[in-house]
Protein backbone atom coordinates (compact mmCIF):
# COMPACT_ATOMS: atom_id res chain seq x y z
CA MET A 1 -0.43 -23.59 2.15
CA GLU A 2 -4.08 -23.23 1.51
CA LYS A 3 -5.88 -19.98 0.27
CA ARG A 4 -7.29 -18.11 2.91
CA GLU A 5 -10.69 -16.45 0.98
CA VAL A 6 -11.53 -13.30 1.80
CA GLU A 7 -14.12 -10.69 0.28
CA ILE A 8 -11.73 -7.52 -0.18
CA VAL A 9 -8.75 -7.14 0.41
CA VAL A 10 -6.79 -3.25 0.97
CA ILE A 11 -3.14 -2.67 0.04
CA SER A 12 -1.08 0.26 0.77
CA ASP A 13 2.11 2.03 -0.13
CA VAL A 14 4.41 -0.51 -1.32
CA HIS A 15 6.64 1.75 -2.76
CA LEU A 16 7.66 -0.66 -5.41
CA GLY A 17 11.18 0.13 -7.03
CA THR A 18 12.25 1.54 -3.76
CA TYR A 19 15.22 -0.26 -1.26
CA GLY A 20 12.65 -0.74 1.38
CA CYS A 21 9.99 -2.26 -0.19
CA HIS A 22 9.26 -5.76 1.05
CA ALA A 23 8.37 -7.46 -2.34
CA LYS A 24 8.96 -10.95 -1.72
CA GLU A 25 6.54 -10.74 1.79
CA LEU A 26 3.79 -8.89 -0.39
CA LEU A 27 4.15 -11.92 -3.10
CA LYS A 28 4.35 -14.40 -0.86
CA TYR A 29 1.11 -12.62 1.24
CA LEU A 30 -1.19 -12.43 -2.22
CA LYS A 31 0.20 -16.07 -2.93
CA SER A 32 -1.70 -17.64 0.14
CA ILE A 33 -5.10 -15.52 0.11
CA LYS A 34 -8.00 -15.89 -2.38
CA PRO A 35 -9.37 -12.27 -2.69
CA LYS A 36 -12.86 -11.49 -4.57
CA LYS A 37 -12.25 -7.68 -4.74
CA ILE A 38 -8.34 -6.34 -4.45
CA VAL A 39 -7.92 -2.50 -3.72
CA LEU A 40 -4.52 -1.21 -4.30
CA ASN A 41 -5.18 2.02 -2.44
CA GLY A 42 -1.93 4.36 -3.73
CA ASP A 43 1.88 4.42 -3.28
CA ILE A 44 2.23 1.13 -4.76
CA ILE A 45 4.19 1.85 -7.85
CA ASP A 46 6.79 4.74 -6.43
CA ILE A 47 7.57 6.97 -9.99
CA TRP A 48 8.62 9.37 -7.49
CA GLN A 49 11.79 7.39 -7.06
CA PHE A 50 12.06 5.22 -9.50
CA SER A 51 15.00 4.14 -11.05
CA LYS A 52 15.78 1.40 -13.82
CA ARG A 53 18.85 0.84 -11.90
CA TYR A 54 16.62 -0.75 -9.43
CA TRP A 55 13.62 -3.24 -10.03
CA PRO A 56 14.45 -6.15 -8.90
CA GLU A 57 12.44 -9.27 -10.52
CA THR A 58 10.57 -9.83 -7.25
CA HIS A 59 8.78 -6.20 -7.92
CA MET A 60 7.98 -7.71 -11.67
CA LYS A 61 6.19 -11.04 -9.48
CA VAL A 62 3.80 -8.78 -7.51
CA ILE A 63 3.07 -6.63 -10.66
CA ARG A 64 2.71 -10.49 -12.43
CA LYS A 65 0.50 -11.42 -9.31
CA LEU A 66 -1.74 -8.79 -9.53
CA MET A 67 -2.15 -8.73 -13.74
CA LYS A 68 -2.78 -12.39 -12.97
CA PHE A 69 -5.95 -12.00 -10.21
CA VAL A 70 -7.12 -9.66 -12.95
CA VAL A 71 -7.11 -12.09 -15.93
CA GLU A 72 -8.57 -14.01 -13.56
CA GLY A 73 -11.87 -11.68 -13.25
CA VAL A 74 -10.79 -10.31 -10.13
CA PRO A 75 -11.88 -6.79 -9.78
CA VAL A 76 -8.54 -5.16 -9.17
CA TYR A 77 -9.00 -1.20 -8.49
CA TYR A 78 -5.77 0.74 -8.49
CA LEU A 79 -6.53 4.16 -6.59
CA THR A 80 -3.75 7.06 -6.91
CA GLY A 81 -1.49 7.90 -4.33
CA ASN A 82 1.16 11.08 -4.30
CA HIS A 83 3.95 8.60 -5.22
CA ASP A 84 2.24 7.19 -8.15
CA GLU A 85 0.01 10.85 -8.55
CA LEU A 86 0.94 10.92 -12.48
CA LEU A 87 -1.57 8.23 -13.12
CA ARG A 88 -3.78 10.41 -12.05
CA LYS A 89 -4.45 12.17 -15.26
CA PHE A 90 -5.36 8.46 -16.42
CA ALA A 91 -8.01 8.46 -13.91
CA ASP A 92 -11.53 6.52 -14.81
CA LEU A 93 -9.58 3.56 -16.89
CA HIS A 94 -11.66 0.97 -17.10
CA MET A 95 -9.98 -2.58 -18.94
CA GLY A 96 -11.91 -5.56 -18.25
CA ALA A 97 -11.24 -6.44 -14.54
CA PHE A 98 -8.51 -3.28 -13.77
CA HIS A 99 -9.85 -0.25 -12.57
CA LEU A 100 -7.63 3.35 -12.31
CA GLN A 101 -9.51 5.84 -9.95
CA ASN A 102 -8.59 8.81 -7.78
CA LYS A 103 -11.45 7.39 -4.98
CA LEU A 104 -13.49 4.67 -4.41
CA VAL A 105 -17.08 3.74 -3.41
CA LEU A 106 -18.34 0.25 -2.21
CA ASP A 107 -21.26 -1.17 -0.99
CA ILE A 108 -19.59 -3.63 2.12
CA ASP A 109 -23.01 -5.52 3.06
CA GLY A 110 -25.41 -2.95 2.91
CA LYS A 111 -22.82 0.01 4.24
CA LYS A 112 -20.83 2.31 2.25
CA GLY A 113 -17.39 2.45 2.27
CA TRP A 114 -15.25 5.53 0.89
CA PHE A 115 -11.68 4.23 -0.35
CA PHE A 116 -8.93 7.32 -1.37
CA HIS A 117 -4.92 7.13 -0.34
CA GLY A 118 -5.31 10.34 1.70
CA ASP A 119 -2.76 12.80 0.83
CA VAL A 120 -5.04 15.56 -0.22
CA PHE A 121 -5.07 15.79 3.89
CA ASP A 122 -1.61 16.56 3.90
CA VAL A 123 -0.21 20.43 3.97
CA THR A 124 2.93 19.23 2.78
CA MET A 125 1.67 17.65 -0.34
CA GLN A 126 -0.59 20.66 -0.46
CA HIS A 127 1.45 23.30 -0.37
CA SER A 128 5.45 21.88 -0.78
CA LYS A 129 5.71 19.57 -3.07
CA TRP A 130 9.19 19.41 -3.47
CA LEU A 131 9.88 19.05 0.44
CA ALA A 132 7.84 16.12 0.66
CA LYS A 133 9.81 14.69 -2.18
CA MET A 134 12.95 15.46 -0.64
CA GLY A 135 11.43 13.38 2.51
CA ALA A 136 10.48 10.42 0.67
CA ILE A 137 14.24 10.54 -0.58
CA GLY A 138 15.42 10.92 3.42
CA TYR A 139 12.93 8.27 4.49
CA ASP A 140 13.99 5.49 1.95
CA SER A 141 17.48 6.14 2.96
CA LEU A 142 16.85 5.50 6.54
CA ILE A 143 14.86 2.57 5.63
CA LEU A 144 18.03 1.02 4.21
CA ILE A 145 20.46 2.09 7.09
CA ASN A 146 17.53 0.27 9.22
CA SER A 147 17.62 -2.67 6.75
CA PHE A 148 21.95 -3.12 7.55
CA VAL A 149 21.22 -2.24 11.29
CA ASN A 150 18.68 -4.72 11.58
CA TRP A 151 20.68 -7.40 9.84
CA CYS A 152 23.67 -6.55 12.44
CA LEU A 153 21.15 -7.28 15.14
CA ALA A 154 19.66 -10.37 13.67
CA LEU A 155 23.32 -12.00 13.24
CA ILE A 156 23.98 -11.22 16.98
CA GLY A 157 20.70 -12.56 18.02
CA ARG A 158 19.04 -9.43 19.16
CA GLN A 159 16.06 -7.75 18.35
CA LYS A 160 14.73 -5.60 14.86
CA MET A 161 13.81 -2.15 15.85
CA SER A 162 11.90 0.78 13.49
CA PHE A 163 13.73 3.30 13.47
CA SER A 164 10.83 5.87 11.58
CA GLN A 165 8.65 3.97 14.28
CA LYS A 166 10.60 5.31 17.03
CA ILE A 167 10.78 9.27 15.81
CA LYS A 168 7.21 8.91 15.04
CA ALA A 169 6.85 7.98 18.68
CA LYS A 170 9.24 10.89 20.00
CA PHE A 171 8.40 13.72 18.09
CA LYS A 172 4.84 14.98 19.33
CA ASP A 173 3.90 16.76 15.87
CA ALA A 174 4.56 13.23 14.45
CA VAL A 175 1.29 11.93 16.34
CA LYS A 176 -0.40 15.19 16.25
CA PHE A 177 -0.23 14.77 12.25
CA ILE A 178 -1.45 11.38 12.69
CA ASN A 179 -4.47 12.20 14.97
CA SER A 180 -5.44 15.02 12.61
CA PHE A 181 -5.39 12.54 9.66
CA GLU A 182 -7.42 10.35 10.74
CA GLN A 183 -9.86 12.74 12.73
CA THR A 184 -9.84 14.57 9.32
CA ALA A 185 -10.79 11.68 7.32
CA ALA A 186 -14.00 10.76 10.19
CA GLU A 187 -14.99 14.08 10.09
CA LEU A 188 -15.19 13.67 6.18
CA ALA A 189 -16.77 10.82 5.95
CA ILE A 190 -19.22 11.41 8.53
CA GLU A 191 -20.32 13.85 6.52
CA LYS A 192 -20.93 12.53 3.70
CA GLY A 193 -22.89 9.30 4.45
CA TYR A 194 -20.36 6.66 5.11
CA GLU A 195 -20.13 4.18 7.62
CA TYR A 196 -16.33 3.21 6.63
CA VAL A 197 -13.50 5.83 5.18
CA VAL A 198 -10.04 3.62 4.28
CA CYS A 199 -6.83 5.03 3.77
CA GLY A 200 -2.86 4.76 2.99
CA HIS A 201 -0.87 7.22 3.24
CA ILE A 202 0.47 7.60 6.83
CA HIS A 203 2.02 4.09 7.13
CA GLN A 204 0.03 3.69 10.11
CA ALA A 205 -2.42 0.44 10.20
CA GLU A 206 -5.47 1.22 12.09
CA ASN A 207 -8.77 -0.34 12.58
CA ARG A 208 -11.14 1.61 15.11
CA LYS A 209 -14.83 3.55 15.47
CA ILE A 210 -13.94 7.68 15.40
CA THR A 211 -16.86 9.78 17.38
CA THR A 212 -17.45 12.71 16.38
CA GLU A 213 -20.09 15.70 17.07
CA LEU A 214 -21.22 14.54 13.74
CA GLY A 215 -21.99 10.95 14.81
CA ASP A 216 -19.57 7.62 14.24
CA VAL A 217 -17.22 6.04 11.89
CA ILE A 218 -15.22 3.02 11.21
CA TYR A 219 -11.92 4.53 10.35
CA LEU A 220 -9.32 1.89 8.33
CA ASN A 221 -6.24 2.52 7.51
CA SER A 222 -3.73 -0.34 5.40
CA GLY A 223 -0.85 0.81 6.40
CA ASP A 224 2.39 -0.50 4.21
CA TRP A 225 4.82 -2.72 2.95
CA VAL A 226 7.63 -0.80 4.38
CA GLU A 227 7.92 -1.34 7.78
CA SER A 228 4.85 -2.63 8.85
CA LEU A 229 4.00 -5.04 6.20
CA THR A 230 0.16 -5.23 6.86
CA ALA A 231 -3.34 -5.13 4.71
CA LEU A 232 -6.68 -4.48 5.59
CA GLU A 233 -9.17 -7.84 4.81
CA TYR A 234 -12.81 -7.89 4.88
CA ALA A 235 -14.26 -11.64 5.68
CA ASN A 236 -17.17 -12.45 7.36
CA LYS A 237 -19.09 -9.01 7.59
CA GLU A 238 -15.83 -8.02 9.77
CA TRP A 239 -12.50 -5.82 8.64
CA LYS A 240 -9.32 -7.03 10.71
CA ILE A 241 -5.85 -5.84 10.16
CA PHE A 242 -3.16 -7.97 8.23
CA ARG A 243 -0.17 -8.24 9.52
CA TYR A 244 3.21 -10.41 7.92
CA ASN A 245 4.58 -12.95 9.99
CA HIS A 246 7.50 -14.88 8.92
CA LYS A 247 7.36 -17.52 10.95
CA ASP A 248 3.40 -18.21 9.03
CA PHE A 249 5.48 -18.42 5.59
CA GLU A 250 8.55 -20.06 6.21
CA LYS A 251 7.76 -23.23 4.18
CA ASP A 252 6.25 -20.96 1.21
CA GLU A 253 9.57 -19.49 0.45
CA VAL A 254 9.75 -17.75 -2.94
CA GLU A 255 12.73 -18.66 -5.52
CA LEU A 256 13.95 -15.42 -7.10
CA GLY A 257 14.58 -17.53 -10.37
CA GLU A 258 11.08 -18.90 -10.29
CA LEU A 259 8.32 -17.36 -12.29
CA SER A 260 5.20 -16.44 -9.64
CA ASP A 261 3.00 -17.90 -12.50
CA SER A 262 2.41 -19.62 -15.31
CA GLU A 263 1.65 -17.40 -17.73
CA ASP A 264 5.09 -14.97 -18.05
CA LEU A 265 3.82 -11.74 -18.71
CA HIS A 266 6.63 -9.69 -18.98
CA SER A 267 6.71 -9.84 -22.39
CA LYS A 268 3.13 -8.16 -22.29
CA LEU A 269 4.16 -5.63 -19.83
CA ASN A 270 7.26 -4.29 -20.00
CA ILE A 271 7.40 -2.02 -16.48
CA ASN A 272 10.55 -0.53 -16.56
CA THR A 273 9.81 1.33 -20.18
CA LEU A 274 6.78 1.65 -18.91
CA LEU A 275 7.96 3.80 -15.80
CA GLU A 276 10.87 5.85 -17.84
CA LYS A 277 8.18 6.75 -19.92
CA ILE A 278 5.80 8.68 -17.06
CA LYS A 279 9.56 9.62 -15.15
CA LEU A 280 9.75 11.58 -18.31
CA GLU A 281 6.63 13.54 -17.30
CA ILE A 282 8.09 14.79 -13.92
CA VAL A 283 11.20 16.35 -15.76
């Protein structure tokens, strides 16, 4: 597959280290593009639910691929989210092309883009973090059950379904929360004079203009790599939502036993040891 050139790629809510993460599909996507900038907009590694008992090779390959971009000089901005919030103590760390930050402002063809994860707008995160963590565990369990159900549906030739998306659509409070999140992000961005506001967190990919009494702003959300398998791409002065389609990558299967890059970075980046040390900070 010929690599597509894109100016900016925004990825969020990958949740590496959880059963629901679609690392294999993300790796295929990363191998299919040639970006000039990469923004990892929070919750890339799920430190909340990390367990050394579950860290598949495909999850390590995603880390290696991102590190390879850094080695090649592609700026990679890792913006912290709530599931990887322990990295916030290391914010404003810059190592070559790698940048660890809490938020980011980029000049995009003369327009200012404001990038941040978005958990700051989540009232549950602000006041009941333990409840949010319990919800994350429940969500991961729901995804695991959903995967089994979809496997059964595929066997009998039925269409896959998403439990969480059905729940979000059914309960008015979930829809209300999403609308409030988007509106709040838009209003703050307009007040600060930004043309784009780019978030993650709510696992809901979006690209639309929001109009308020103060003005207009383009609200963007990169979605997630647990269910929707989406990313944001900026090319030819236009933002688009990329939606992963298995059919487009059938010829580019990633073999589990094969290293994703020419250099084995495993010896240089022992992710299991790193995350175990970070996890100790929680206790």
